[in-house]
């Protein structure tokens, strides 16, 4: 799938949070300063073109529904991110955060426990 821009990711967050919606509904649910209606409509059209949402016609308006779940998108995004910046190594990713002191030894231990527990399910 084609990578999303920051603006498109923000629109997808609205769509996921609302489980789809009309552009006006999405705009109304937008936190903080609102973008113009036409900007959001154009962004949602781009999402449709890229295959992230589908348009369902209701009378003379379209309701946009996600074609990809948030978890699936995160997985795609993270795989690309790790591939692009960490030579496709999650070990290098974790090592980077440890070196930058963004993650503590206790947090790493907790992650290891979570991984072990998941394997035993």
Protein backbone atom coordinates (compact mmCIF):
# COMPACT_ATOMS: atom_id res chain seq x y z
CA UNK A 1 0.00 0.00 0.00
CA UNK A 2 1.08 3.54 -0.68
CA UNK A 3 2.52 5.39 2.32
CA UNK A 4 0.31 8.02 3.94
CA UNK A 5 1.19 11.66 4.52
CA UNK A 6 0.86 13.10 8.04
CA UNK A 7 -2.41 14.76 7.01
CA UNK A 8 -3.74 11.46 5.63
CA UNK A 9 -2.72 9.62 8.82
CA UNK A 10 -4.58 12.19 10.90
CA UNK A 11 -7.69 11.69 8.74
CA UNK A 12 -7.37 7.91 9.11
CA UNK A 13 -7.19 8.35 12.89
CA UNK A 14 -10.54 10.16 12.73
CA UNK A 15 -12.02 7.44 10.52
CA UNK A 16 -10.80 4.65 12.82
CA UNK A 17 -11.93 6.47 15.96
CA UNK A 18 -15.42 7.02 14.52
CA UNK A 19 -15.58 3.71 12.65
CA UNK A 20 -16.13 5.69 9.46
CA UNK A 21 -18.27 8.72 8.79
CA UNK A 22 -19.33 11.51 6.50
CA UNK A 23 -16.76 14.27 6.01
CA UNK A 24 -18.85 16.65 8.17
CA UNK A 25 -18.99 14.09 11.02
CA UNK A 26 -15.25 13.53 10.80
CA UNK A 27 -14.64 17.27 10.82
CA UNK A 28 -16.90 17.73 13.85
CA UNK A 29 -15.01 15.02 15.75
CA UNK A 30 -11.62 16.58 14.98
CA UNK A 31 -9.89 17.78 18.16
CA UNK A 32 -8.31 21.21 18.32
CA UNK A 33 -8.25 23.58 15.40
CA UNK A 34 -10.32 22.33 12.48
CA UNK A 35 -9.04 22.18 8.92
CA UNK A 36 -11.31 23.53 6.18
CA UNK A 37 -14.04 21.12 5.02
CA UNK A 38 -12.61 21.03 1.49
CA UNK A 39 -9.15 20.10 2.82
CA UNK A 40 -10.51 17.15 4.79
CA UNK A 41 -12.71 16.09 1.86
CA UNK A 42 -9.71 16.14 -0.47
CA UNK A 43 -7.61 14.17 2.03
CA UNK A 44 -10.33 11.53 2.39
CA UNK A 45 -10.57 11.27 -1.41
CA UNK A 46 -6.81 10.60 -1.49
CA UNK A 47 -7.31 7.87 1.12
CA UNK A 48 -9.97 6.34 -1.11
CA UNK A 49 -7.67 6.50 -4.14
CA UNK A 50 -4.89 4.82 -2.14
CA UNK A 51 -7.24 2.02 -1.05
CA UNK A 52 -7.47 2.86 2.66
CA UNK A 53 -11.19 3.75 2.70
CA UNK A 54 -14.28 3.02 0.65
CA UNK A 55 -17.08 5.44 -0.12
CA UNK A 56 -20.63 4.24 0.53
CA UNK A 57 -23.30 6.42 -1.08
CA UNK A 58 -26.23 7.55 1.09
CA UNK A 59 -28.69 9.71 -0.90
CA UNK A 60 -26.43 12.47 -2.27
CA UNK A 61 -23.53 12.10 0.18
CA UNK A 62 -20.75 9.58 0.79
CA UNK A 63 -19.86 7.92 4.06
CA UNK A 64 -16.26 6.77 4.23
CA UNK A 65 -15.42 3.46 5.89
CA UNK A 66 -11.97 2.02 6.62
CA UNK A 67 -10.71 -0.81 4.42
CA UNK A 68 -7.69 -1.39 6.65
CA UNK A 69 -7.71 -1.64 10.43
CA UNK A 70 -5.56 0.53 12.63
CA UNK A 71 -3.56 -2.48 13.87
CA UNK A 72 -2.88 -3.65 10.32
CA UNK A 73 -1.71 -0.17 9.33
CA UNK A 74 0.60 0.07 12.35
CA UNK A 75 2.11 -3.27 11.40
CA UNK A 76 2.72 -2.12 7.80
CA UNK A 77 4.09 1.22 8.95
CA UNK A 78 6.41 -0.29 11.55
CA UNK A 79 7.75 -2.89 9.12
CA UNK A 80 8.60 -0.11 6.65
CA UNK A 81 10.03 2.11 9.37
CA UNK A 82 12.29 -0.62 10.74
CA UNK A 83 13.34 -1.58 7.23
CA UNK A 84 14.13 2.02 6.22
CA UNK A 85 15.90 3.19 9.39
CA UNK A 86 17.16 0.11 11.24
CA UNK A 87 18.33 -2.27 8.49
CA UNK A 88 15.24 -4.40 9.01
CA UNK A 89 16.35 -5.23 12.57
CA UNK A 90 13.98 -4.79 15.50
CA UNK A 91 16.98 -5.49 17.72
CA UNK A 92 18.65 -2.36 16.33
CA UNK A 93 15.43 -0.40 16.91
CA UNK A 94 15.29 -1.39 20.59
CA UNK A 95 19.04 -0.84 20.96
CA UNK A 96 18.65 2.67 19.54
CA UNK A 97 16.00 3.57 22.12
CA UNK A 98 18.08 2.06 24.93
CA UNK A 99 21.15 4.09 23.87
CA UNK A 100 19.06 7.24 23.64
CA UNK A 101 17.72 6.49 27.13
CA UNK A 102 14.16 6.44 25.83
CA UNK A 103 13.58 3.01 27.37
CA UNK A 104 14.82 1.71 30.72
CA UNK A 105 16.18 -1.69 31.69
CA UNK A 106 13.01 -2.27 33.76
CA UNK A 107 10.86 -1.54 30.70
CA UNK A 108 12.97 -3.93 28.62
CA UNK A 109 12.50 -6.62 31.29
CA UNK A 110 8.75 -6.00 31.19
CA UNK A 111 8.75 -6.35 27.38
CA UNK A 112 10.66 -9.64 27.66
CA UNK A 113 8.10 -10.89 30.20
CA UNK A 114 5.26 -9.90 27.85
CA UNK A 115 6.89 -11.75 24.95
CA UNK A 116 7.42 -14.87 27.04
CA UNK A 117 3.83 -14.79 28.32
CA UNK A 118 2.50 -14.41 24.77
CA UNK A 119 4.50 -17.46 23.62
CA UNK A 120 2.96 -19.57 26.37
CA UNK A 121 -0.65 -18.76 25.41
